[in-house]
Amino acid sequence: MRLIEELLDLQNMNRTKDKIYLEMVALLAQTSECEPEEGVLFVKNKRIIVSSSSEGEGHNSTSHAIQVALHKAAAMGAGVESSVCFTTEPPCKYCQAALRRAGVMDWRYIPRI
C-alpha cells in the first residue's frame, strides 16, 4: 500500500475522493485472476455503480477489468453513462472505445513510474 500512496502523491492530486477510489482499485487488482492485475470502479454521483478485476488468462480483451465491469453493469441493468472510470492501468484502445460507446465521461488511472 505504501507504493500506491507514493504513486498517488506523484500526481499531486488535490481531490481526496479520487485518491480513495484509486486506492480501492489497487486493492481490487489484488483479487485479479490474471496478469496484468487490473481493478476498476465506475463512479457516478459519488456512488460506486460497479467494480471488477481482470479475469481469465492471457491478454484477451474480454478479460480486461474494464470490459468485465461493463458486462457486469449491463447484466445488472446499471447504466454507466456519465460516470467516471477509475482503473489501475491506462485503458487500452479497445477499452477506450468501449468506454466512449458506453457514455463514460472520464477515466483516471494510477500513473506508472
C-alpha atoms as a PDB file:
ATOM      1  CA  MET A   1       0.000   0.000   0.000  1.00  0.00           C
ATOM      2  CA  ARG A   2       2.960   2.313   0.577  1.00  0.00           C
ATOM      3  CA  LEU A   3       3.828   2.197  -3.152  1.00  0.00           C
ATOM      4  CA  ILE A   4       0.260   3.192  -4.043  1.00  0.00           C
ATOM      5  CA  GLU A   5       0.488   6.208  -1.715  1.00  0.00           C
ATOM      6  CA  GLU A   6       3.775   7.239  -3.344  1.00  0.00           C
ATOM      7  CA  LEU A   7       2.301   6.909  -6.846  1.00  0.00           C
ATOM      8  CA  LEU A   8      -0.701   8.990  -5.914  1.00  0.00           C
ATOM      9  CA  ASP A   9       1.499  11.680  -4.344  1.00  0.00           C
ATOM     10  CA  LEU A  10       3.466  11.944  -7.601  1.00  0.00           C
ATOM     11  CA  GLN A  11       0.374  13.168  -9.350  1.00  0.00           C
ATOM     12  CA  ASN A  12      -0.274  15.818  -6.624  1.00  0.00           C
ATOM     13  CA  MET A  13      -3.978  15.126  -6.658  1.00  0.00           C
ATOM     14  CA  ASN A  14      -5.998  17.524  -4.536  1.00  0.00           C
ATOM     15  CA  ARG A  15      -9.172  15.519  -4.968  1.00  0.00           C
ATOM     16  CA  THR A  16      -9.238  13.265  -1.920  1.00  0.00           C
ATOM     17  CA  LYS A  17     -12.100  11.166  -3.269  1.00  0.00           C
ATOM     18  CA  ASP A  18     -10.107  10.379  -6.402  1.00  0.00           C
ATOM     19  CA  LYS A  19      -7.274   9.129  -4.197  1.00  0.00           C
ATOM     20  CA  ILE A  20      -9.657   6.909  -2.274  1.00  0.00           C
ATOM     21  CA  TYR A  21     -11.160   5.440  -5.451  1.00  0.00           C
ATOM     22  CA  LEU A  22      -7.681   4.768  -6.875  1.00  0.00           C
ATOM     23  CA  GLU A  23      -6.633   3.056  -3.649  1.00  0.00           C
ATOM     24  CA  MET A  24      -9.764   0.921  -3.913  1.00  0.00           C
ATOM     25  CA  VAL A  25      -8.954  -0.167  -7.482  1.00  0.00           C
ATOM     26  CA  ALA A  26      -5.421  -1.054  -6.361  1.00  0.00           C
ATOM     27  CA  LEU A  27      -6.935  -3.367  -3.753  1.00  0.00           C
ATOM     28  CA  LEU A  28      -9.366  -4.820  -6.301  1.00  0.00           C
ATOM     29  CA  ALA A  29      -6.454  -5.568  -8.618  1.00  0.00           C
ATOM     30  CA  GLN A  30      -5.034  -7.890  -5.967  1.00  0.00           C
ATOM     31  CA  THR A  31      -8.078 -10.152  -6.490  1.00  0.00           C
ATOM     32  CA  SER A  32      -7.350 -10.440 -10.224  1.00  0.00           C
ATOM     33  CA  GLU A  33      -7.065 -13.891 -11.754  1.00  0.00           C
ATOM     34  CA  CYS A  34      -4.566 -12.938 -14.464  1.00  0.00           C
ATOM     35  CA  GLU A  35      -1.671 -10.679 -15.443  1.00  0.00           C
ATOM     36  CA  PRO A  36      -1.565  -7.767 -15.535  1.00  0.00           C
ATOM     37  CA  GLU A  37      -3.577  -7.414 -12.359  1.00  0.00           C
ATOM     38  CA  GLU A  38      -6.260  -4.799 -13.012  1.00  0.00           C
ATOM     39  CA  GLY A  39      -9.006  -3.307 -10.890  1.00  0.00           C
ATOM     40  CA  VAL A  40     -11.770  -0.922 -11.922  1.00  0.00           C
ATOM     41  CA  LEU A  41     -14.607   1.124 -10.396  1.00  0.00           C
ATOM     42  CA  PHE A  42     -17.306   3.114 -12.147  1.00  0.00           C
ATOM     43  CA  VAL A  43     -18.469   6.063 -10.042  1.00  0.00           C
ATOM     44  CA  LYS A  44     -21.451   8.290 -10.725  1.00  0.00           C
ATOM     45  CA  ASN A  45     -22.773  10.997  -8.402  1.00  0.00           C
ATOM     46  CA  LYS A  46     -20.326   9.879  -5.681  1.00  0.00           C
ATOM     47  CA  ARG A  47     -21.715   6.322  -5.783  1.00  0.00           C
ATOM     48  CA  ILE A  48     -19.943   3.202  -6.965  1.00  0.00           C
ATOM     49  CA  ILE A  49     -22.010   1.684  -9.753  1.00  0.00           C
ATOM     50  CA  VAL A  50     -19.926  -1.403 -10.445  1.00  0.00           C
ATOM     51  CA  SER A  51     -16.488  -2.794  -9.615  1.00  0.00           C
ATOM     52  CA  SER A  52     -14.410  -5.594 -11.060  1.00  0.00           C
ATOM     53  CA  SER A  53     -10.964  -7.036 -11.611  1.00  0.00           C
ATOM     54  CA  SER A  54      -9.473  -8.682 -14.690  1.00  0.00           C
ATOM     55  CA  GLU A  55     -10.474 -12.282 -15.307  1.00  0.00           C
ATOM     56  CA  GLY A  56      -9.336 -15.218 -17.394  1.00  0.00           C
ATOM     57  CA  GLU A  57      -5.922 -15.970 -18.770  1.00  0.00           C
ATOM     58  CA  GLY A  58      -3.605 -14.048 -21.052  1.00  0.00           C
ATOM     59  CA  HIS A  59      -4.334 -10.718 -22.683  1.00  0.00           C
ATOM     60  CA  ASN A  60      -7.755 -11.451 -24.174  1.00  0.00           C
ATOM     61  CA  SER A  61      -9.572  -8.094 -24.385  1.00  0.00           C
ATOM     62  CA  THR A  62     -12.666  -9.610 -22.760  1.00  0.00           C
ATOM     63  CA  SER A  63     -10.613 -10.311 -19.627  1.00  0.00           C
ATOM     64  CA  HIS A  64      -9.678  -6.663 -19.095  1.00  0.00           C
ATOM     65  CA  ALA A  65     -11.213  -5.308 -15.904  1.00  0.00           C
ATOM     66  CA  ILE A  66     -12.992  -2.521 -17.799  1.00  0.00           C
ATOM     67  CA  GLN A  67     -14.633  -4.987 -20.186  1.00  0.00           C
ATOM     68  CA  VAL A  68     -15.621  -7.269 -17.304  1.00  0.00           C
ATOM     69  CA  ALA A  69     -17.136  -4.328 -15.384  1.00  0.00           C
ATOM     70  CA  LEU A  70     -19.059  -3.072 -18.435  1.00  0.00           C
ATOM     71  CA  HIS A  71     -20.544  -6.544 -18.992  1.00  0.00           C
ATOM     72  CA  LYS A  72     -21.361  -6.806 -15.285  1.00  0.00           C
ATOM     73  CA  ALA A  73     -23.074  -3.384 -15.306  1.00  0.00           C
ATOM     74  CA  ALA A  74     -25.126  -4.314 -18.368  1.00  0.00           C
ATOM     75  CA  ALA A  75     -26.195  -7.612 -16.763  1.00  0.00           C
ATOM     76  CA  MET A  76     -27.306  -5.733 -13.625  1.00  0.00           C
ATOM     77  CA  GLY A  77     -29.068  -3.034 -15.646  1.00  0.00           C
ATOM     78  CA  ALA A  78     -26.778  -0.404 -14.122  1.00  0.00           C
ATOM     79  CA  GLY A  79     -26.115   2.472 -16.509  1.00  0.00           C
ATOM     80  CA  VAL A  80     -22.526   3.723 -16.629  1.00  0.00           C
ATOM     81  CA  GLU A  81     -23.220   6.727 -18.871  1.00  0.00           C
ATOM     82  CA  SER A  82     -21.905   9.990 -17.383  1.00  0.00           C
ATOM     83  CA  SER A  83     -19.810   8.049 -14.865  1.00  0.00           C
ATOM     84  CA  VAL A  84     -16.082   8.223 -14.191  1.00  0.00           C
ATOM     85  CA  CYS A  85     -13.958   5.089 -14.571  1.00  0.00           C
ATOM     86  CA  PHE A  86     -11.142   4.568 -12.052  1.00  0.00           C
ATOM     87  CA  THR A  87      -8.632   1.902 -13.027  1.00  0.00           C
ATOM     88  CA  THR A  88      -5.164   0.651 -12.184  1.00  0.00           C
ATOM     89  CA  GLU A  89      -3.940   0.687 -15.783  1.00  0.00           C
ATOM     90  CA  PRO A  90      -4.347   3.134 -18.654  1.00  0.00           C
ATOM     91  CA  PRO A  91      -7.214   1.776 -20.786  1.00  0.00           C
ATOM     92  CA  CYS A  92      -6.110   0.030 -23.984  1.00  0.00           C
ATOM     93  CA  LYS A  93      -7.553   1.285 -27.282  1.00  0.00           C
ATOM     94  CA  TYR A  94     -10.342  -1.325 -27.191  1.00  0.00           C
ATOM     95  CA  CYS A  95     -11.334  -0.386 -23.639  1.00  0.00           C
ATOM     96  CA  GLN A  96     -11.201   3.319 -24.519  1.00  0.00           C
ATOM     97  CA  ALA A  97     -13.595   2.669 -27.411  1.00  0.00           C
ATOM     98  CA  ALA A  98     -15.909   0.661 -25.119  1.00  0.00           C
ATOM     99  CA  LEU A  99     -15.868   3.464 -22.536  1.00  0.00           C
ATOM    100  CA  ARG A 100     -16.796   6.037 -25.179  1.00  0.00           C
ATOM    101  CA  ARG A 101     -19.609   3.846 -26.554  1.00  0.00           C
ATOM    102  CA  ALA A 102     -20.956   3.379 -23.011  1.00  0.00           C
ATOM    103  CA  GLY A 103     -21.015   7.151 -22.464  1.00  0.00           C
ATOM    104  CA  VAL A 104     -18.384   7.221 -19.709  1.00  0.00           C
ATOM    105  CA  MET A 105     -17.353  10.850 -19.341  1.00  0.00           C
ATOM    106  CA  ASP A 106     -13.802  10.400 -17.994  1.00  0.00           C
ATOM    107  CA  TRP A 107     -11.288   7.851 -16.755  1.00  0.00           C
ATOM    108  CA  ARG A 108      -8.498   8.081 -14.227  1.00  0.00           C
ATOM    109  CA  TYR A 109      -5.717   5.627 -13.523  1.00  0.00           C
ATOM    110  CA  ILE A 110      -2.696   5.144 -11.300  1.00  0.00           C
ATOM    111  CA  PRO A 111       0.290   6.722 -13.064  1.00  0.00           C
ATOM    112  CA  ARG A 112       3.249   4.499 -13.899  1.00  0.00           C
ATOM    113  CA  ILE A 113       6.685   5.436 -12.662  1.00  0.00           C
END
